[in-house]
Amino acid sequence: AARAQAAPPAQEATPESLGGVTPGISQASFADWLNGPEVRRITIPLGGAARDLTMHVLSQRGIVLVVRDNAVEAVATAREGRAATAQGVRPGDPAAKVEAAYGRPTAQNGLQALNIWEYPGRALAVVVANERVQSIWVGRRR
């Protein structure tokens, strides 16, 4: 069930980052990261006029990059990744740390045992289970 609650407006002014990557930046900014043998590339065809997405799974850095037209559209924590947001939140942290860093989520949506905490003003979603951060997704602000 979704519930509306206000997040602190001052925190929404700064674009969010994860693992040192801010969505919207050029893929060229981190091209050297994409050359390692541990990097998996997954192409996601969108069909029609839309450009395909490419997911780069950087297991050693603990992040997944979603790229379209050589720009980062989204960045997420990889399985067991320890990458942190600009506010220092990372997988495994207590949910209270998310709330202390970002305020109450604008919405919370349940999906089975998971709760997805949404911060649309920051293009941020935090997946929480058992009061612990499981995954973090940061998108490109429009």
Protein backbone atom coordinates (compact mmCIF):
# COMPACT_ATOMS: atom_id res chain seq x y z
CA ALA A 1 0.00 0.00 0.00
CA ALA A 2 1.33 3.42 -0.93
CA ARG A 3 1.36 6.29 1.48
CA ALA A 4 2.31 9.87 0.74
CA GLN A 5 4.75 11.66 3.00
CA ALA A 6 6.99 14.62 2.37
CA ALA A 7 10.76 14.30 2.02
CA PRO A 8 12.99 17.22 3.02
CA PRO A 9 13.09 19.59 0.00
CA ALA A 10 16.71 20.66 0.55
CA GLN A 11 17.88 17.09 0.06
CA GLU A 12 16.01 16.83 -3.25
CA ALA A 13 18.04 19.64 -4.81
CA THR A 14 21.25 17.59 -5.18
CA PRO A 15 21.36 14.71 -7.69
CA GLU A 16 21.94 11.37 -6.00
CA SER A 17 24.85 9.08 -6.78
CA LEU A 18 25.70 5.48 -6.00
CA GLY A 19 29.17 3.99 -5.92
CA GLY A 20 30.52 7.30 -7.22
CA VAL A 21 28.27 7.30 -10.31
CA THR A 22 25.57 9.93 -10.91
CA PRO A 23 22.98 9.02 -13.54
CA GLY A 24 23.14 11.31 -16.55
CA ILE A 25 26.93 11.27 -16.85
CA SER A 26 28.64 10.04 -19.99
CA GLN A 27 29.80 6.44 -20.24
CA ALA A 28 33.18 7.88 -21.27
CA SER A 29 33.64 9.13 -17.69
CA PHE A 30 34.22 5.57 -16.49
CA ALA A 31 35.15 3.71 -19.71
CA ASP A 32 38.16 2.10 -18.00
CA TRP A 33 35.79 0.42 -15.51
CA LEU A 34 34.05 -1.41 -18.37
CA ASN A 35 37.15 -3.14 -19.73
CA GLY A 36 37.74 -5.67 -16.95
CA PRO A 37 37.12 -9.40 -17.44
CA GLU A 38 34.69 -9.42 -14.49
CA VAL A 39 32.30 -7.00 -16.23
CA ARG A 40 29.16 -8.61 -17.67
CA ARG A 41 27.28 -6.83 -20.43
CA ILE A 42 23.61 -7.52 -20.98
CA THR A 43 21.73 -5.87 -23.86
CA ILE A 44 18.05 -5.19 -23.30
CA PRO A 45 16.27 -4.63 -26.62
CA LEU A 46 13.45 -2.12 -26.31
CA GLY A 47 12.16 -2.40 -29.87
CA GLY A 48 10.61 0.29 -31.99
CA ALA A 49 12.26 3.69 -32.11
CA ALA A 50 13.64 3.38 -28.57
CA ARG A 51 17.35 2.76 -28.21
CA ASP A 52 18.43 -0.48 -26.54
CA LEU A 53 19.65 -0.42 -22.95
CA THR A 54 22.91 -2.03 -21.91
CA MET A 55 23.42 -3.25 -18.36
CA HIS A 56 27.01 -3.43 -17.18
CA VAL A 57 27.38 -5.59 -14.07
CA LEU A 58 30.57 -4.48 -12.31
CA SER A 59 30.79 -7.13 -9.60
CA GLN A 60 34.09 -5.90 -8.16
CA ARG A 61 32.65 -2.41 -7.69
CA GLY A 62 29.33 -3.78 -6.47
CA ILE A 63 27.20 -1.85 -8.95
CA VAL A 64 25.08 -2.32 -12.05
CA LEU A 65 25.03 0.48 -14.64
CA VAL A 66 22.12 0.88 -17.06
CA VAL A 67 23.33 2.80 -20.13
CA ARG A 68 21.51 4.18 -23.19
CA ASP A 69 23.05 6.37 -25.88
CA ASN A 70 26.37 6.39 -23.96
CA ALA A 71 24.78 7.99 -20.90
CA VAL A 72 24.03 6.36 -17.53
CA GLU A 73 20.26 6.10 -17.08
CA ALA A 74 20.39 4.29 -13.72
CA VAL A 75 22.82 2.72 -11.27
CA ALA A 76 22.00 0.02 -8.72
CA THR A 77 23.77 -2.06 -6.14
CA ALA A 78 24.82 -5.45 -7.43
CA ARG A 79 24.16 -8.60 -5.44
CA GLU A 80 26.03 -8.30 -2.16
CA GLY A 81 27.40 -4.95 -3.36
CA ARG A 82 28.66 -2.53 -0.76
CA ALA A 83 28.50 0.63 -2.90
CA ALA A 84 27.07 3.58 -0.97
CA THR A 85 24.91 6.55 -1.88
CA ALA A 86 26.22 10.09 -1.50
CA GLN A 87 24.65 10.06 1.99
CA GLY A 88 26.50 6.85 2.95
CA VAL A 89 23.58 4.41 2.76
CA ARG A 90 24.47 0.91 1.50
CA PRO A 91 22.99 -2.59 1.44
CA GLY A 92 22.87 -4.16 4.89
CA ASP A 93 22.26 -0.85 6.66
CA PRO A 94 19.25 -0.54 8.96
CA ALA A 95 16.19 1.12 7.44
CA ALA A 96 16.48 3.81 10.12
CA LYS A 97 19.70 5.01 8.45
CA VAL A 98 17.82 5.58 5.19
CA GLU A 99 15.20 7.62 7.01
CA ALA A 100 17.86 9.62 8.86
CA ALA A 101 19.65 10.40 5.56
CA TYR A 102 16.64 11.06 3.29
CA GLY A 103 13.62 11.55 5.52
CA ARG A 104 10.40 9.58 5.31
CA PRO A 105 9.82 8.09 1.86
CA THR A 106 7.28 9.80 -0.37
CA ALA A 107 5.73 6.38 -0.93
CA GLN A 108 6.24 2.82 0.25
CA ASN A 109 5.15 -0.05 -1.96
CA GLY A 110 5.09 -3.62 -0.76
CA LEU A 111 6.11 -6.50 -3.00
CA GLN A 112 5.81 -9.77 -1.11
CA ALA A 113 8.27 -9.48 1.83
CA LEU A 114 9.98 -6.40 0.35
CA ASN A 115 9.14 -2.74 0.81
CA ILE A 116 10.24 -0.27 -1.84
CA TRP A 117 10.87 3.16 -0.36
CA GLU A 118 10.46 5.81 -3.02
CA TYR A 119 12.10 9.23 -3.14
CA PRO A 120 10.97 10.54 -6.57
CA GLY A 121 12.54 13.98 -6.10
CA ARG A 122 15.92 12.27 -5.89
CA ALA A 123 15.10 9.51 -8.44
CA LEU A 124 15.94 7.08 -5.63
CA ALA A 125 14.37 3.76 -4.64
CA VAL A 126 15.52 1.71 -1.66
CA VAL A 127 14.44 -1.91 -1.28
CA VAL A 128 13.97 -2.85 2.38
CA ALA A 129 13.26 -6.25 3.97
CA ASN A 130 13.31 -7.06 7.67
CA GLU A 131 14.21 -3.43 8.41
CA ARG A 132 17.47 -3.74 6.38
CA VAL A 133 18.47 -2.24 3.04
CA GLN A 134 18.60 -4.97 0.40
CA SER A 135 19.20 -2.94 -2.76
CA ILE A 136 19.40 0.66 -3.94
CA TRP A 137 18.46 2.10 -7.33
CA VAL A 138 19.21 5.63 -8.50
CA GLY A 139 17.74 6.88 -11.76
CA ARG A 140 18.29 9.84 -13.99
CA ARG A 141 16.35 12.90 -12.93
CA ARG A 142 14.31 14.53 -15.64
